[in-house]
Amino acid sequence: MANAVLYKQGYKVGEKIAHKVTADALIVFIRNKLRKVLIEQYEEAQQEALSGMKADSLITTFDLERRKRSEVQYEMKEFELHGKAKTSIQRAKEFLFELEKLL
């Protein structure tokens, strides 16, 4: 979803360190674009966007999940995955909800 939003804006992420490049591009894009969209469309979100809290929260969530994906994929035992998976699903839903506004 993140790459789709970036692609729609004219940016294509290459193959090298793609997850990190996507995360960095989203930092720039979300801070600028999402604030504008939220201000225009949602009065309640306007306060969050003006303070930067919503955009910063999305960026932080994206980066945490990117790091956790690597940990889960390569280091974690199966019995430890359930709790982390629930958290990841909730964060992903919120992330997708906000990015769908940009598409």
PDB file of N, CA and C in Angstrom:
ATOM      1  N   MET A   1       0.838  -1.183   0.000  1.00  0.00           N
ATOM      2  CA  MET A   1       0.000   0.000   0.000  1.00  0.00           C
ATOM      3  C   MET A   1       0.887   1.251   0.000  1.00  0.00           C
ATOM      4  N   ALA A   2       1.930   1.228   0.819  1.00  0.00           N
ATOM      5  CA  ALA A   2       2.826   2.382   0.887  1.00  0.00           C
ATOM      6  C   ALA A   2       3.472   2.648  -0.468  1.00  0.00           C
ATOM      7  N   ASN A   3       3.934   1.589  -1.126  1.00  0.00           N
ATOM      8  CA  ASN A   3       4.547   1.768  -2.441  1.00  0.00           C
ATOM      9  C   ASN A   3       3.530   2.230  -3.482  1.00  0.00           C
ATOM     10  N   ALA A   4       2.278   1.795  -3.360  1.00  0.00           N
ATOM     11  CA  ALA A   4       1.236   2.237  -4.291  1.00  0.00           C
ATOM     12  C   ALA A   4       1.001   3.736  -4.168  1.00  0.00           C
ATOM     13  N   VAL A   5       0.961   4.222  -2.936  1.00  0.00           N
ATOM     14  CA  VAL A   5       0.780   5.659  -2.716  1.00  0.00           C
ATOM     15  C   VAL A   5       1.955   6.431  -3.294  1.00  0.00           C
ATOM     16  N   LEU A   6       3.158   5.960  -3.043  1.00  0.00           N
ATOM     17  CA  LEU A   6       4.344   6.639  -3.577  1.00  0.00           C
ATOM     18  C   LEU A   6       4.361   6.591  -5.106  1.00  0.00           C
ATOM     19  N   TYR A   7       3.993   5.445  -5.668  1.00  0.00           N
ATOM     20  CA  TYR A   7       3.967   5.302  -7.120  1.00  0.00           C
ATOM     21  C   TYR A   7       2.968   6.257  -7.751  1.00  0.00           C
ATOM     22  N   LYS A   8       1.813   6.402  -7.112  1.00  0.00           N
ATOM     23  CA  LYS A   8       0.794   7.329  -7.625  1.00  0.00           C
ATOM     24  C   LYS A   8       1.317   8.761  -7.643  1.00  0.00           C
ATOM     25  N   GLN A   9       2.218   9.067  -6.729  1.00  0.00           N
ATOM     26  CA  GLN A   9       2.807  10.400  -6.671  1.00  0.00           C
ATOM     27  C   GLN A   9       3.995  10.548  -7.630  1.00  0.00           C
ATOM     28  N   GLY A  10       4.313   9.475  -8.367  1.00  0.00           N
ATOM     29  CA  GLY A  10       5.383   9.541  -9.354  1.00  0.00           C
ATOM     30  C   GLY A  10       6.714   9.012  -8.864  1.00  0.00           C
ATOM     31  N   TYR A  11       6.723   8.313  -7.735  1.00  0.00           N
ATOM     32  CA  TYR A  11       7.962   7.767  -7.190  1.00  0.00           C
ATOM     33  C   TYR A  11       7.929   6.251  -7.269  1.00  0.00           C
ATOM     34  N   LYS A  12       8.991   5.653  -7.792  1.00  0.00           N
ATOM     35  CA  LYS A  12       9.096   4.203  -7.852  1.00  0.00           C
ATOM     36  C   LYS A  12      10.284   3.784  -7.002  1.00  0.00           C
ATOM     37  N   VAL A  13      10.023   2.909  -6.051  1.00  0.00           N
ATOM     38  CA  VAL A  13      11.064   2.407  -5.161  1.00  0.00           C
ATOM     39  C   VAL A  13      11.818   1.296  -5.871  1.00  0.00           C
ATOM     40  N   GLY A  14      13.128   1.374  -5.864  1.00  0.00           N
ATOM     41  CA  GLY A  14      13.953   0.346  -6.499  1.00  0.00           C
ATOM     42  C   GLY A  14      14.064  -0.900  -5.647  1.00  0.00           C
ATOM     43  N   GLU A  15      14.924  -1.818  -6.078  1.00  0.00           N
ATOM     44  CA  GLU A  15      15.056  -3.099  -5.390  1.00  0.00           C
ATOM     45  C   GLU A  15      15.990  -3.042  -4.188  1.00  0.00           C
ATOM     46  N   LYS A  16      16.967  -2.174  -4.200  1.00  0.00           N
ATOM     47  CA  LYS A  16      17.937  -2.113  -3.111  1.00  0.00           C
ATOM     48  C   LYS A  16      17.328  -1.443  -1.894  1.00  0.00           C
ATOM     49  N   ILE A  17      17.459  -2.077  -0.759  1.00  0.00           N
ATOM     50  CA  ILE A  17      16.923  -1.624   0.537  1.00  0.00           C
ATOM     51  C   ILE A  17      15.540  -0.984   0.384  1.00  0.00           C
ATOM     52  N   ALA A  18      14.678  -1.699  -0.310  1.00  0.00           N
ATOM     53  CA  ALA A  18      13.358  -1.166  -0.673  1.00  0.00           C
ATOM     54  C   ALA A  18      12.524  -0.767   0.539  1.00  0.00           C
ATOM     55  N   HIS A  19      12.566  -1.554   1.596  1.00  0.00           N
ATOM     56  CA  HIS A  19      11.744  -1.227   2.771  1.00  0.00           C
ATOM     57  C   HIS A  19      12.229   0.062   3.428  1.00  0.00           C
ATOM     58  N   LYS A  20      13.516   0.251   3.508  1.00  0.00           N
ATOM     59  CA  LYS A  20      14.070   1.462   4.120  1.00  0.00           C
ATOM     60  C   LYS A  20      13.785   2.678   3.237  1.00  0.00           C
ATOM     61  N   VAL A  21      13.947   2.530   1.942  1.00  0.00           N
ATOM     62  CA  VAL A  21      13.670   3.632   1.016  1.00  0.00           C
ATOM     63  C   VAL A  21      12.196   4.023   1.100  1.00  0.00           C
ATOM     64  N   THR A  22      11.321   3.028   1.151  1.00  0.00           N
ATOM     65  CA  THR A  22       9.896   3.301   1.282  1.00  0.00           C
ATOM     66  C   THR A  22       9.613   4.055   2.571  1.00  0.00           C
ATOM     67  N   ALA A  23      10.199   3.597   3.661  1.00  0.00           N
ATOM     68  CA  ALA A  23       9.996   4.265   4.957  1.00  0.00           C
ATOM     69  C   ALA A  23      10.467   5.713   4.906  1.00  0.00           C
ATOM     70  N   ASP A  24      11.638   5.952   4.346  1.00  0.00           N
ATOM     71  CA  ASP A  24      12.165   7.316   4.256  1.00  0.00           C
ATOM     72  C   ASP A  24      11.300   8.198   3.364  1.00  0.00           C
ATOM     73  N   ALA A  25      10.848   7.642   2.242  1.00  0.00           N
ATOM     74  CA  ALA A  25       9.991   8.411   1.339  1.00  0.00           C
ATOM     75  C   ALA A  25       8.666   8.753   2.005  1.00  0.00           C
ATOM     76  N   LEU A  26       8.133   7.818   2.781  1.00  0.00           N
ATOM     77  CA  LEU A  26       6.872   8.079   3.477  1.00  0.00           C
ATOM     78  C   LEU A  26       7.024   9.171   4.528  1.00  0.00           C
ATOM     79  N   ILE A  27       8.173   9.223   5.155  1.00  0.00           N
ATOM     80  CA  ILE A  27       8.400  10.280   6.140  1.00  0.00           C
ATOM     81  C   ILE A  27       8.203  11.636   5.488  1.00  0.00           C
ATOM     82  N   VAL A  28       8.822  11.828   4.350  1.00  0.00           N
ATOM     83  CA  VAL A  28       8.702  13.100   3.636  1.00  0.00           C
ATOM     84  C   VAL A  28       7.291  13.283   3.105  1.00  0.00           C
ATOM     85  N   PHE A  29       6.770  12.253   2.428  1.00  0.00           N
ATOM     86  CA  PHE A  29       5.469  12.362   1.786  1.00  0.00           C
ATOM     87  C   PHE A  29       4.347  12.546   2.797  1.00  0.00           C
ATOM     88  N   ILE A  30       4.298  11.699   3.816  1.00  0.00           N
ATOM     89  CA  ILE A  30       3.192  11.761   4.778  1.00  0.00           C
ATOM     90  C   ILE A  30       3.201  13.076   5.532  1.00  0.00           C
ATOM     91  N   ARG A  31       4.345  13.521   5.942  1.00  0.00           N
ATOM     92  CA  ARG A  31       4.391  14.778   6.694  1.00  0.00           C
ATOM     93  C   ARG A  31       3.859  15.931   5.863  1.00  0.00           C
ATOM     94  N   ASN A  32       4.102  15.921   4.583  1.00  0.00           N
ATOM     95  CA  ASN A  32       3.646  17.015   3.733  1.00  0.00           C
ATOM     96  C   ASN A  32       2.230  16.794   3.208  1.00  0.00           C
ATOM     97  N   LYS A  33       2.016  15.679   2.546  1.00  0.00           N
ATOM     98  CA  LYS A  33       0.752  15.430   1.862  1.00  0.00           C
ATOM     99  C   LYS A  33      -0.388  15.091   2.813  1.00  0.00           C
ATOM    100  N   LEU A  34      -0.150  14.201   3.757  1.00  0.00           N
ATOM    101  CA  LEU A  34      -1.224  13.767   4.642  1.00  0.00           C
ATOM    102  C   LEU A  34      -1.758  14.924   5.471  1.00  0.00           C
ATOM    103  N   ARG A  35      -0.894  15.780   5.916  1.00  0.00           N
ATOM    104  CA  ARG A  35      -1.355  16.946   6.670  1.00  0.00           C
ATOM    105  C   ARG A  35      -2.343  17.758   5.834  1.00  0.00           C
ATOM    106  N   LYS A  36      -2.015  17.994   4.572  1.00  0.00           N
ATOM    107  CA  LYS A  36      -2.890  18.782   3.700  1.00  0.00           C
ATOM    108  C   LYS A  36      -4.240  18.095   3.496  1.00  0.00           C
ATOM    109  N   VAL A  37      -4.204  16.788   3.230  1.00  0.00           N
ATOM    110  CA  VAL A  37      -5.442  16.038   2.987  1.00  0.00           C
ATOM    111  C   VAL A  37      -6.323  16.041   4.231  1.00  0.00           C
ATOM    112  N   LEU A  38      -5.713  15.792   5.377  1.00  0.00           N
ATOM    113  CA  LEU A  38      -6.492  15.751   6.610  1.00  0.00           C
ATOM    114  C   LEU A  38      -7.087  17.107   6.936  1.00  0.00           C
ATOM    115  N   ILE A  39      -6.351  18.156   6.702  1.00  0.00           N
ATOM    116  CA  ILE A  39      -6.850  19.505   6.974  1.00  0.00           C
ATOM    117  C   ILE A  39      -8.046  19.809   6.093  1.00  0.00           C
ATOM    118  N   GLU A  40      -7.964  19.427   4.819  1.00  0.00           N
ATOM    119  CA  GLU A  40      -9.035  19.710   3.878  1.00  0.00           C
ATOM    120  C   GLU A  40     -10.283  18.869   4.144  1.00  0.00           C
ATOM    121  N   GLN A  41     -10.125  17.628   4.578  1.00  0.00           N
ATOM    122  CA  GLN A  41     -11.257  16.708   4.643  1.00  0.00           C
ATOM    123  C   GLN A  41     -11.859  16.510   6.029  1.00  0.00           C
ATOM    124  N   TYR A  42     -11.104  16.691   7.090  1.00  0.00           N
ATOM    125  CA  TYR A  42     -11.594  16.315   8.406  1.00  0.00           C
ATOM    126  C   TYR A  42     -11.286  17.385   9.451  1.00  0.00           C
ATOM    127  N   GLU A  43     -12.310  17.982  10.019  1.00  0.00           N
ATOM    128  CA  GLU A  43     -12.094  18.986  11.052  1.00  0.00           C
ATOM    129  C   GLU A  43     -11.453  18.372  12.289  1.00  0.00           C
ATOM    130  N   GLU A  44     -11.883  17.213  12.677  1.00  0.00           N
ATOM    131  CA  GLU A  44     -11.306  16.564  13.853  1.00  0.00           C
ATOM    132  C   GLU A  44      -9.830  16.246  13.631  1.00  0.00           C
ATOM    133  N   ALA A  45      -9.504  15.741  12.460  1.00  0.00           N
ATOM    134  CA  ALA A  45      -8.114  15.411  12.150  1.00  0.00           C
ATOM    135  C   ALA A  45      -7.269  16.659  11.940  1.00  0.00           C
ATOM    136  N   GLN A  46      -7.915  17.773  11.713  1.00  0.00           N
ATOM    137  CA  GLN A  46      -7.187  19.019  11.476  1.00  0.00           C
ATOM    138  C   GLN A  46      -6.256  19.354  12.643  1.00  0.00           C
ATOM    139  N   GLN A  47      -6.736  19.218  13.865  1.00  0.00           N
ATOM    140  CA  GLN A  47      -5.899  19.534  15.024  1.00  0.00           C
ATOM    141  C   GLN A  47      -4.690  18.606  15.110  1.00  0.00           C
ATOM    142  N   GLU A  48      -4.907  17.335  14.831  1.00  0.00           N
ATOM    143  CA  GLU A  48      -3.803  16.379  14.845  1.00  0.00           C
ATOM    144  C   GLU A  48      -2.797  16.689  13.738  1.00  0.00           C
ATOM    145  N   ALA A  49      -3.315  17.042  12.563  1.00  0.00           N
ATOM    146  CA  ALA A  49      -2.431  17.319  11.442  1.00  0.00           C
ATOM    147  C   ALA A  49      -1.615  18.579  11.685  1.00  0.00           C
ATOM    148  N   LEU A  50      -2.240  19.606  12.225  1.00  0.00           N
ATOM    149  CA  LEU A  50      -1.524  20.844  12.489  1.00  0.00           C
ATOM    150  C   LEU A  50      -0.414  20.638  13.510  1.00  0.00           C
ATOM    151  N   SER A  51      -0.645  19.804  14.487  1.00  0.00           N
ATOM    152  CA  SER A  51       0.372  19.544  15.498  1.00  0.00           C
ATOM    153  C   SER A  51       1.379  18.509  15.019  1.00  0.00           C
ATOM    154  N   GLY A  52       1.060  17.840  13.951  1.00  0.00           N
ATOM    155  CA  GLY A  52       1.965  16.827  13.415  1.00  0.00           C
ATOM    156  C   GLY A  52       1.837  15.480  14.098  1.00  0.00           C
ATOM    157  N   MET A  53       0.940  15.380  15.068  1.00  0.00           N
ATOM    158  CA  MET A  53       0.846  14.139  15.846  1.00  0.00           C
ATOM    159  C   MET A  53       0.384  12.959  14.995  1.00  0.00           C
ATOM    160  N   LYS A  54      -0.612  13.122  14.158  1.00  0.00           N
ATOM    161  CA  LYS A  54      -1.136  12.015  13.362  1.00  0.00           C
ATOM    162  C   LYS A  54      -0.099  11.541  12.350  1.00  0.00           C
ATOM    163  N   ALA A  55       0.494  12.468  11.634  1.00  0.00           N
ATOM    164  CA  ALA A  55       1.505  12.104  10.641  1.00  0.00           C
ATOM    165  C   ALA A  55       2.704  11.451  11.314  1.00  0.00           C
ATOM    166  N   ASP A  56       3.170  12.022  12.411  1.00  0.00           N
ATOM    167  CA  ASP A  56       4.308  11.446  13.120  1.00  0.00           C
ATOM    168  C   ASP A  56       3.965  10.070  13.666  1.00  0.00           C
ATOM    169  N   SER A  57       2.741   9.899  14.135  1.00  0.00           N
ATOM    170  CA  SER A  57       2.302   8.607  14.660  1.00  0.00           C
ATOM    171  C   SER A  57       2.299   7.554  13.553  1.00  0.00           C
ATOM    172  N   LEU A  58       1.805   7.897  12.371  1.00  0.00           N
ATOM    173  CA  LEU A  58       1.797   6.951  11.254  1.00  0.00           C
ATOM    174  C   LEU A  58       3.211   6.568  10.840  1.00  0.00           C
ATOM    175  N   ILE A  59       4.089   7.541  10.800  1.00  0.00           N
ATOM    176  CA  ILE A  59       5.479   7.269  10.427  1.00  0.00           C
ATOM    177  C   ILE A  59       6.136   6.360  11.451  1.00  0.00           C
ATOM    178  N   THR A  60       5.917   6.652  12.716  1.00  0.00           N
ATOM    179  CA  THR A  60       6.483   5.825  13.779  1.00  0.00           C
ATOM    180  C   THR A  60       5.947   4.407  13.705  1.00  0.00           C
ATOM    181  N   THR A  61       4.639   4.270  13.516  1.00  0.00           N
ATOM    182  CA  THR A  61       4.019   2.952  13.412  1.00  0.00           C
ATOM    183  C   THR A  61       4.586   2.179  12.234  1.00  0.00           C
ATOM    184  N   PHE A  62       4.720   2.826  11.095  1.00  0.00           N
ATOM    185  CA  PHE A  62       5.260   2.166   9.908  1.00  0.00           C
ATOM    186  C   PHE A  62       6.670   1.665  10.177  1.00  0.00           C
ATOM    187  N   ASP A  63       7.511   2.501  10.772  1.00  0.00           N
ATOM    188  CA  ASP A  63       8.889   2.115  11.026  1.00  0.00           C
ATOM    189  C   ASP A  63       8.974   0.987  12.055  1.00  0.00           C
ATOM    190  N   LEU A  64       8.154   1.045  13.109  1.00  0.00           N
ATOM    191  CA  LEU A  64       8.142  -0.028  14.111  1.00  0.00           C
ATOM    192  C   LEU A  64       7.749  -1.360  13.480  1.00  0.00           C
ATOM    193  N   GLU A  65       6.730  -1.326  12.642  1.00  0.00           N
ATOM    194  CA  GLU A  65       6.270  -2.560  12.002  1.00  0.00           C
ATOM    195  C   GLU A  65       7.292  -3.075  10.998  1.00  0.00           C
ATOM    196  N   ARG A  66       7.986  -2.187  10.321  1.00  0.00           N
ATOM    197  CA  ARG A  66       9.035  -2.606   9.381  1.00  0.00           C
ATOM    198  C   ARG A  66      10.130  -3.353  10.135  1.00  0.00           C
ATOM    199  N   ARG A  67      10.541  -2.814  11.265  1.00  0.00           N
ATOM    200  CA  ARG A  67      11.574  -3.470  12.074  1.00  0.00           C
ATOM    201  C   ARG A  67      11.065  -4.780  12.669  1.00  0.00           C
ATOM    202  N   LYS A  68       9.821  -4.764  13.128  1.00  0.00           N
ATOM    203  CA  LYS A  68       9.256  -5.960  13.740  1.00  0.00           C
ATOM    204  C   LYS A  68       9.115  -7.076  12.709  1.00  0.00           C
ATOM    205  N   ARG A  69       8.784  -6.732  11.477  1.00  0.00           N
ATOM    206  CA  ARG A  69       8.656  -7.733  10.421  1.00  0.00           C
ATOM    207  C   ARG A  69       9.942  -8.527  10.288  1.00  0.00           C
ATOM    208  N   SER A  70      11.054  -7.847  10.302  1.00  0.00           N
ATOM    209  CA  SER A  70      12.346  -8.521  10.200  1.00  0.00           C
ATOM    210  C   SER A  70      12.585  -9.422  11.405  1.00  0.00           C
ATOM    211  N   GLU A  71      12.289  -8.923  12.592  1.00  0.00           N
ATOM    212  CA  GLU A  71      12.467  -9.704  13.818  1.00  0.00           C
ATOM    213  C   GLU A  71      11.579 -10.947  13.798  1.00  0.00           C
ATOM    214  N   VAL A  72      10.322 -10.761  13.440  1.00  0.00           N
ATOM    215  CA  VAL A  72       9.369 -11.874  13.414  1.00  0.00           C
ATOM    216  C   VAL A  72       9.779 -12.891  12.360  1.00  0.00           C
ATOM    217  N   GLN A  73      10.169 -12.412  11.215  1.00  0.00           N
ATOM    218  CA  GLN A  73      10.494 -13.299  10.109  1.00  0.00           C
ATOM    219  C   GLN A  73      11.745 -14.126  10.370  1.00  0.00           C
ATOM    220  N   TYR A  74      12.729 -13.552  11.028  1.00  0.00           N
ATOM    221  CA  TYR A  74      14.014 -14.221  11.132  1.00  0.00           C
ATOM    222  C   TYR A  74      14.409 -14.673  12.541  1.00  0.00           C
ATOM    223  N   GLU A  75      13.803 -14.135  13.585  1.00  0.00           N
ATOM    224  CA  GLU A  75      14.328 -14.387  14.914  1.00  0.00           C
ATOM    225  C   GLU A  75      13.336 -14.993  15.910  1.00  0.00           C
ATOM    226  N   MET A  76      12.062 -14.860  15.725  1.00  0.00           N
ATOM    227  CA  MET A  76      11.088 -15.170  16.754  1.00  0.00           C
ATOM    228  C   MET A  76      10.569 -16.604  16.671  1.00  0.00           C
ATOM    229  N   LYS A  77      10.268 -17.149  17.827  1.00  0.00           N
ATOM    230  CA  LYS A  77       9.653 -18.469  17.922  1.00  0.00           C
ATOM    231  C   LYS A  77       8.158 -18.345  17.608  1.00  0.00           C
ATOM    232  N   GLU A  78       7.574 -19.425  17.120  1.00  0.00           N
ATOM    233  CA  GLU A  78       6.173 -19.388  16.691  1.00  0.00           C
ATOM    234  C   GLU A  78       5.210 -19.011  17.814  1.00  0.00           C
ATOM    235  N   PHE A  79       5.437 -19.484  19.024  1.00  0.00           N
ATOM    236  CA  PHE A  79       4.520 -19.192  20.124  1.00  0.00           C
ATOM    237  C   PHE A  79       4.533 -17.718  20.529  1.00  0.00           C
ATOM    238  N   GLU A  80       5.559 -16.985  20.157  1.00  0.00           N
ATOM    239  CA  GLU A  80       5.650 -15.567  20.491  1.00  0.00           C
ATOM    240  C   GLU A  80       4.928 -14.674  19.468  1.00  0.00           C
ATOM    241  N   LEU A  81       4.583 -15.237  18.358  1.00  0.00           N
ATOM    242  CA  LEU A  81       4.060 -14.463  17.233  1.00  0.00           C
ATOM    243  C   LEU A  81       2.634 -13.956  17.418  1.00  0.00           C
ATOM    244  N   HIS A  82       1.797 -14.666  18.125  1.00  0.00           N
ATOM    245  CA  HIS A  82       0.361 -14.349  18.195  1.00  0.00           C
ATOM    246  C   HIS A  82       0.090 -12.923  18.685  1.00  0.00           C
ATOM    247  N   GLY A  83       0.641 -12.528  19.797  1.00  0.00           N
ATOM    248  CA  GLY A  83       0.416 -11.180  20.340  1.00  0.00           C
ATOM    249  C   GLY A  83       0.943 -10.101  19.417  1.00  0.00           C
ATOM    250  N   LYS A  84       2.117 -10.329  18.887  1.00  0.00           N
ATOM    251  CA  LYS A  84       2.706  -9.343  17.979  1.00  0.00           C
ATOM    252  C   LYS A  84       1.905  -9.239  16.690  1.00  0.00           C
ATOM    253  N   ALA A  85       1.368 -10.356  16.238  1.00  0.00           N
ATOM    254  CA  ALA A  85       0.565 -10.349  15.015  1.00  0.00           C
ATOM    255  C   ALA A  85      -0.709  -9.537  15.199  1.00  0.00           C
ATOM    256  N   LYS A  86      -1.359  -9.656  16.347  1.00  0.00           N
ATOM    257  CA  LYS A  86      -2.573  -8.878  16.613  1.00  0.00           C
ATOM    258  C   LYS A  86      -2.285  -7.382  16.573  1.00  0.00           C
ATOM    259  N   THR A  87      -1.203  -6.989  17.221  1.00  0.00           N
ATOM    260  CA  THR A  87      -0.813  -5.581  17.220  1.00  0.00           C
ATOM    261  C   THR A  87      -0.523  -5.107  15.799  1.00  0.00           C
ATOM    262  N   SER A  88       0.193  -5.921  15.046  1.00  0.00           N
ATOM    263  CA  SER A  88       0.541  -5.561  13.672  1.00  0.00           C
ATOM    264  C   SER A  88      -0.689  -5.409  12.794  1.00  0.00           C
ATOM    265  N   ILE A  89      -1.655  -6.292  12.965  1.00  0.00           N
ATOM    266  CA  ILE A  89      -2.888  -6.210  12.174  1.00  0.00           C
ATOM    267  C   ILE A  89      -3.627  -4.912  12.477  1.00  0.00           C
ATOM    268  N   GLN A  90      -3.737  -4.558  13.749  1.00  0.00           N
ATOM    269  CA  GLN A  90      -4.425  -3.317  14.118  1.00  0.00           C
ATOM    270  C   GLN A  90      -3.704  -2.097  13.534  1.00  0.00           C
ATOM    271  N   ARG A  91      -2.393  -2.082  13.654  1.00  0.00           N
ATOM    272  CA  ARG A  91      -1.624  -0.969  13.100  1.00  0.00           C
ATOM    273  C   ARG A  91      -1.746  -0.903  11.586  1.00  0.00           C
ATOM    274  N   ALA A  92      -1.750  -2.055  10.938  1.00  0.00           N
ATOM    275  CA  ALA A  92      -1.875  -2.098   9.485  1.00  0.00           C
ATOM    276  C   ALA A  92      -3.232  -1.554   9.032  1.00  0.00           C
ATOM    277  N   LYS A  93      -4.286  -1.893   9.768  1.00  0.00           N
ATOM    278  CA  LYS A  93      -5.614  -1.383   9.423  1.00  0.00           C
ATOM    279  C   LYS A  93      -5.648   0.137   9.510  1.00  0.00           C
ATOM    280  N   GLU A  94      -5.086   0.682  10.577  1.00  0.00           N
ATOM    281  CA  GLU A  94      -5.068   2.136  10.735  1.00  0.00           C
ATOM    282  C   GLU A  94      -4.221   2.788   9.636  1.00  0.00           C
ATOM    283  N   PHE A  95      -3.067   2.186   9.354  1.00  0.00           N
ATOM    284  CA  PHE A  95      -2.180   2.696   8.318  1.00  0.00           C
ATOM    285  C   PHE A  95      -2.872   2.693   6.962  1.00  0.00           C
ATOM    286  N   LEU A  96      -3.522   1.577   6.607  1.00  0.00           N
ATOM    287  CA  LEU A  96      -4.224   1.483   5.325  1.00  0.00           C
ATOM    288  C   LEU A  96      -5.384   2.479   5.250  1.00  0.00           C
ATOM    289  N   PHE A  97      -6.110   2.654   6.335  1.00  0.00           N
ATOM    290  CA  PHE A  97      -7.215   3.611   6.375  1.00  0.00           C
ATOM    291  C   PHE A  97      -6.715   5.007   6.024  1.00  0.00           C
ATOM    292  N   GLU A  98      -5.602   5.399   6.614  1.00  0.00           N
ATOM    293  CA  GLU A  98      -5.069   6.740   6.360  1.00  0.00           C
ATOM    294  C   GLU A  98      -4.498   6.854   4.946  1.00  0.00           C
ATOM    295  N   LEU A  99      -3.824   5.814   4.463  1.00  0.00           N
ATOM    296  CA  LEU A  99      -3.246   5.889   3.120  1.00  0.00           C
ATOM    297  C   LEU A  99      -4.309   5.811   2.028  1.00  0.00           C
ATOM    298  N   GLU A 100      -5.425   5.123   2.286  1.00  0.00           N
ATOM    299  CA  GLU A 100      -6.498   5.065   1.294  1.00  0.00           C
ATOM    300  C   GLU A 100      -7.062   6.463   1.037  1.00  0.00           C
ATOM    301  N   LYS A 101      -7.002   7.327   2.018  1.00  0.00           N
ATOM    302  CA  LYS A 101      -7.451   8.704   1.814  1.00  0.00           C
ATOM    303  C   LYS A 101      -6.601   9.416   0.765  1.00  0.00           C
ATOM    304  N   LEU A 102      -5.335   8.991   0.651  1.00  0.00           N
ATOM    305  CA  LEU A 102      -4.434   9.634  -0.294  1.00  0.00           C
ATOM    306  C   LEU A 102      -4.608   9.106  -1.716  1.00  0.00           C
ATOM    307  N   LEU A 103      -5.162   7.906  -1.840  1.00  0.00           N
ATOM    308  CA  LEU A 103      -5.400   7.340  -3.173  1.00  0.00           C
ATOM    309  C   LEU A 103      -6.696   7.874  -3.715  1.00  0.00           C
TER     310      LEU A 103
END
